[in-house]
Amino acid sequence: MTDRYGEYTVRLKDLPPSVRGFVFHTDDGDPVMILNSRLTREANRGSYDHELLHIQRGDMDNPNFIEYGEETPA
């Protein structure tokens, strides 16, 4: 399922329970959000808001961005 929320494409996909969602840019530079279809509507709304912040802050274009304490391999 693909929906358009404003200027962003949102897709619901079966993801592992530990993955709430993520966002990426297409080859054209358009952001696409993938949300976990196994979660509740309320949980996905929170995930949507979280991923929207990443888009607004430009995190995907920031090579120094680290989410949730992820470490860069040595």
C-alpha atoms as a PDB file:
ATOM      1  CA  MET A   1       0.000   0.000   0.000  1.00  0.00           C
ATOM      2  CA  THR A   2       1.292   3.436  -0.906  1.00  0.00           C
ATOM      3  CA  ASP A   3      -0.236   6.674   0.335  1.00  0.00           C
ATOM      4  CA  ARG A   4       0.706  10.279  -0.233  1.00  0.00           C
ATOM      5  CA  TYR A   5       0.805  12.509   2.846  1.00  0.00           C
ATOM      6  CA  GLY A   6       1.440  15.994   1.611  1.00  0.00           C
ATOM      7  CA  GLU A   7       4.621  15.722  -0.399  1.00  0.00           C
ATOM      8  CA  TYR A   8       5.856  12.390   0.976  1.00  0.00           C
ATOM      9  CA  THR A   9       5.205   8.832  -0.130  1.00  0.00           C
ATOM     10  CA  VAL A  10       4.409   6.404   2.690  1.00  0.00           C
ATOM     11  CA  ARG A  11       4.450   2.637   2.269  1.00  0.00           C
ATOM     12  CA  LEU A  12       3.313   0.033   4.761  1.00  0.00           C
ATOM     13  CA  LYS A  13       5.459  -3.111   4.774  1.00  0.00           C
ATOM     14  CA  ASP A  14       5.805  -6.136   7.045  1.00  0.00           C
ATOM     15  CA  LEU A  15       9.002  -5.362   8.950  1.00  0.00           C
ATOM     16  CA  PRO A  16      10.605  -7.089  11.937  1.00  0.00           C
ATOM     17  CA  PRO A  17       8.894  -6.034  15.196  1.00  0.00           C
ATOM     18  CA  SER A  18      12.004  -4.133  16.288  1.00  0.00           C
ATOM     19  CA  VAL A  19      11.853  -1.871  13.202  1.00  0.00           C
ATOM     20  CA  ARG A  20       9.186   0.813  13.484  1.00  0.00           C
ATOM     21  CA  GLY A  21      10.048   2.463  10.187  1.00  0.00           C
ATOM     22  CA  PHE A  22      12.656   4.242   8.132  1.00  0.00           C
ATOM     23  CA  VAL A  23      12.992   6.830   5.391  1.00  0.00           C
ATOM     24  CA  PHE A  24      15.124   6.955   2.264  1.00  0.00           C
ATOM     25  CA  HIS A  25      15.532   9.079  -0.862  1.00  0.00           C
ATOM     26  CA  THR A  26      14.656   7.734  -4.298  1.00  0.00           C
ATOM     27  CA  ASP A  27      17.077   8.254  -7.181  1.00  0.00           C
ATOM     28  CA  ASP A  28      15.101  11.434  -7.934  1.00  0.00           C
ATOM     29  CA  GLY A  29      15.714  12.705  -4.389  1.00  0.00           C
ATOM     30  CA  ASP A  30      12.134  12.226  -3.208  1.00  0.00           C
ATOM     31  CA  PRO A  31      11.771  10.961   0.369  1.00  0.00           C
ATOM     32  CA  VAL A  32       9.842   7.711   0.905  1.00  0.00           C
ATOM     33  CA  MET A  33       8.790   6.516   4.352  1.00  0.00           C
ATOM     34  CA  ILE A  34       8.442   2.818   5.080  1.00  0.00           C
ATOM     35  CA  LEU A  35       6.316   2.076   8.146  1.00  0.00           C
ATOM     36  CA  ASN A  36       5.765  -1.280   9.823  1.00  0.00           C
ATOM     37  CA  SER A  37       2.346  -2.643   8.844  1.00  0.00           C
ATOM     38  CA  ARG A  38       2.419  -4.930  11.898  1.00  0.00           C
ATOM     39  CA  LEU A  39       2.135  -1.960  14.252  1.00  0.00           C
ATOM     40  CA  THR A  40      -1.001  -0.102  15.325  1.00  0.00           C
ATOM     41  CA  ARG A  41      -2.209   3.012  13.587  1.00  0.00           C
ATOM     42  CA  GLU A  42      -1.159   5.047  16.632  1.00  0.00           C
ATOM     43  CA  ALA A  43       2.337   3.543  16.624  1.00  0.00           C
ATOM     44  CA  ASN A  44       2.685   4.234  12.907  1.00  0.00           C
ATOM     45  CA  ARG A  45       1.571   7.825  13.432  1.00  0.00           C
ATOM     46  CA  GLY A  46       4.415   8.204  15.924  1.00  0.00           C
ATOM     47  CA  SER A  47       6.821   6.588  13.461  1.00  0.00           C
ATOM     48  CA  TYR A  48       5.591   8.911  10.709  1.00  0.00           C
ATOM     49  CA  ASP A  49       6.226  11.949  12.902  1.00  0.00           C
ATOM     50  CA  HIS A  50       9.690  10.616  13.801  1.00  0.00           C
ATOM     51  CA  GLU A  51      10.662  10.014  10.169  1.00  0.00           C
ATOM     52  CA  LEU A  52       9.242  13.409   9.176  1.00  0.00           C
ATOM     53  CA  LEU A  53      11.676  15.027  11.616  1.00  0.00           C
ATOM     54  CA  HIS A  54      14.553  13.226   9.891  1.00  0.00           C
ATOM     55  CA  ILE A  55      13.416  14.651   6.552  1.00  0.00           C
ATOM     56  CA  GLN A  56      12.962  18.165   7.931  1.00  0.00           C
ATOM     57  CA  ARG A  57      16.389  18.143   9.640  1.00  0.00           C
ATOM     58  CA  GLY A  58      18.135  16.708   6.583  1.00  0.00           C
ATOM     59  CA  ASP A  59      19.504  13.741   8.511  1.00  0.00           C
ATOM     60  CA  MET A  60      19.711  11.538   5.406  1.00  0.00           C
ATOM     61  CA  ASP A  61      22.128  14.028   3.834  1.00  0.00           C
ATOM     62  CA  ASN A  62      24.263  14.267   6.963  1.00  0.00           C
ATOM     63  CA  PRO A  63      27.140  11.757   6.855  1.00  0.00           C
ATOM     64  CA  ASN A  64      27.698  12.247  10.601  1.00  0.00           C
ATOM     65  CA  PHE A  65      24.117  11.421  11.616  1.00  0.00           C
ATOM     66  CA  ILE A  66      23.837   8.489  14.040  1.00  0.00           C
ATOM     67  CA  GLU A  67      20.476   7.137  15.209  1.00  0.00           C
ATOM     68  CA  TYR A  68      19.949   5.510  18.595  1.00  0.00           C
ATOM     69  CA  GLY A  69      23.619   5.145  19.419  1.00  0.00           C
ATOM     70  CA  GLU A  70      24.530   3.197  16.286  1.00  0.00           C
ATOM     71  CA  GLU A  71      28.260   2.952  15.920  1.00  0.00           C
ATOM     72  CA  THR A  72      30.233   3.317  12.722  1.00  0.00           C
ATOM     73  CA  PRO A  73      32.266   0.166  11.964  1.00  0.00           C
ATOM     74  CA  ALA A  74      35.978   0.581  12.603  1.00  0.00           C
END
